Amino acid sequence: MEIPYSALPESPQIPNVNSEFQNEEHDEPHSATAVLAVAAHIRSFYRLLVIILALFMISGVGTAAIVMGYLKNNSCPSSRIMSRWLKLFGIVDLIMCGFIATIVCTFTF
């Protein structure tokens, strides 16, 4: 069985990349060098690394608050509820850091 030929509508010719990026003065094509591309990737990697390290430090504060809340349970005579607030702060801090880390990793990888 033979499939009938159907003519596709004419599509515009894809222009040559070198003809699009011509330098007007020297008629040489612009080209991105590998060094500039690697430098851009390294800059974006360092930005991501700084964000992740900051999230680890902030989550360390939350973890320390949880540990202090459990170790110093009912040891503060002026405010018995302080250990609960420390635990609550630590849990909320860890949840927010996890949420922010998920967003950062989703949009960068």
Protein backbone atom coordinates (compact mmCIF):
# COMPACT_ATOMS: atom_id res chain seq x y z
CA MET A 1 0.00 0.00 0.00
CA GLU A 2 1.39 3.33 -1.02
CA ILE A 3 0.96 6.49 1.05
CA PRO A 4 -0.15 9.42 -1.08
CA TYR A 5 2.28 12.32 -1.24
CA SER A 6 1.05 15.49 0.39
CA ALA A 7 2.86 18.69 -0.35
CA LEU A 8 3.85 20.63 2.72
CA PRO A 9 3.43 24.38 2.62
CA GLU A 10 6.61 26.23 1.84
CA SER A 11 8.56 27.05 4.96
CA PRO A 12 10.98 29.93 5.04
CA GLN A 13 14.58 28.93 4.62
CA ILE A 14 16.48 28.78 7.91
CA PRO A 15 19.15 31.46 7.73
CA ASN A 16 22.77 30.58 8.17
CA VAL A 17 23.99 31.42 11.66
CA ASN A 18 27.18 32.97 10.33
CA SER A 19 25.25 35.23 7.98
CA GLU A 20 23.08 36.49 10.85
CA PHE A 21 25.96 37.55 13.09
CA GLN A 22 28.25 39.41 10.76
CA ASN A 23 30.49 42.12 12.06
CA GLU A 24 29.80 45.19 9.98
CA GLU A 25 33.38 46.41 10.07
CA HIS A 26 35.32 43.26 9.23
CA ASP A 27 32.71 40.85 7.84
CA GLU A 28 33.85 38.21 10.35
CA PRO A 29 31.30 36.17 12.29
CA HIS A 30 30.88 36.80 16.00
CA SER A 31 31.55 33.68 18.00
CA ALA A 32 31.34 32.96 21.68
CA THR A 33 34.59 31.56 22.87
CA ALA A 34 34.80 28.53 25.08
CA VAL A 35 36.52 30.57 27.76
CA LEU A 36 33.55 32.93 28.10
CA ALA A 37 31.11 30.03 28.23
CA VAL A 38 33.12 28.24 30.93
CA ALA A 39 33.43 31.47 32.91
CA ALA A 40 29.64 31.96 32.80
CA HIS A 41 29.08 28.39 34.02
CA ILE A 42 31.56 28.84 36.87
CA ARG A 43 29.88 32.10 37.95
CA SER A 44 26.47 30.42 38.03
CA PHE A 45 27.93 27.45 39.92
CA TYR A 46 29.43 29.75 42.58
CA ARG A 47 26.13 31.60 42.96
CA LEU A 48 24.34 28.29 43.51
CA LEU A 49 27.06 27.16 45.93
CA VAL A 50 26.68 30.34 48.00
CA ILE A 51 22.90 29.89 48.15
CA ILE A 52 23.22 26.25 49.25
CA LEU A 53 25.85 27.08 51.90
CA ALA A 54 23.65 29.87 53.26
CA LEU A 55 20.71 27.45 53.47
CA PHE A 56 22.88 24.93 55.34
CA MET A 57 23.94 27.59 57.85
CA ILE A 58 20.35 28.73 58.38
CA SER A 59 19.16 25.15 58.79
CA GLY A 60 22.00 24.65 61.30
CA VAL A 61 20.46 27.40 63.41
CA GLY A 62 17.11 25.60 63.28
CA THR A 63 18.73 22.30 64.23
CA ALA A 64 20.55 23.95 67.14
CA ALA A 65 17.24 25.46 68.32
CA ILE A 66 15.58 22.03 68.30
CA VAL A 67 18.48 20.46 70.20
CA MET A 68 18.49 23.25 72.79
CA GLY A 69 14.72 22.95 73.15
CA TYR A 70 15.01 19.26 73.99
CA LEU A 71 18.10 19.58 76.20
CA LYS A 72 16.79 22.54 78.21
CA ASN A 73 13.24 21.25 78.57
CA ASN A 74 11.59 22.94 81.60
CA SER A 75 14.92 24.35 82.83
CA CYS A 76 14.05 28.03 82.45
CA PRO A 77 12.21 29.11 85.62
CA SER A 78 10.90 32.40 84.21
CA SER A 79 9.36 30.93 81.08
CA ARG A 80 8.40 27.26 81.01
CA ILE A 81 7.14 27.50 77.45
CA MET A 82 10.52 28.64 76.03
CA SER A 83 11.56 25.09 75.09
CA ARG A 84 8.38 24.66 73.06
CA TRP A 85 9.08 27.90 71.18
CA LEU A 86 12.64 26.78 70.46
CA LYS A 87 11.37 23.46 69.07
CA LEU A 88 8.71 25.22 67.01
CA PHE A 89 11.22 27.72 65.62
CA GLY A 90 13.61 24.91 64.69
CA ILE A 91 10.93 22.88 62.93
CA VAL A 92 9.61 25.88 60.97
CA ASP A 93 13.18 26.85 60.06
CA LEU A 94 13.98 23.39 58.72
CA ILE A 95 10.74 23.25 56.73
CA MET A 96 11.37 26.67 55.17
CA CYS A 97 14.99 25.80 54.33
CA GLY A 98 13.86 22.57 52.70
CA PHE A 99 11.22 24.43 50.71
CA ILE A 100 13.68 27.08 49.53
CA ALA A 101 16.31 24.44 48.66
CA THR A 102 13.72 22.57 46.61
CA ILE A 103 12.83 25.73 44.69
CA VAL A 104 16.48 26.65 44.09
CA CYS A 105 17.43 23.15 42.90
CA THR A 106 14.34 22.87 40.71
CA PHE A 107 15.02 26.08 38.83
CA THR A 108 18.79 25.63 38.48
CA PHE A 109 19.17 21.99 37.48
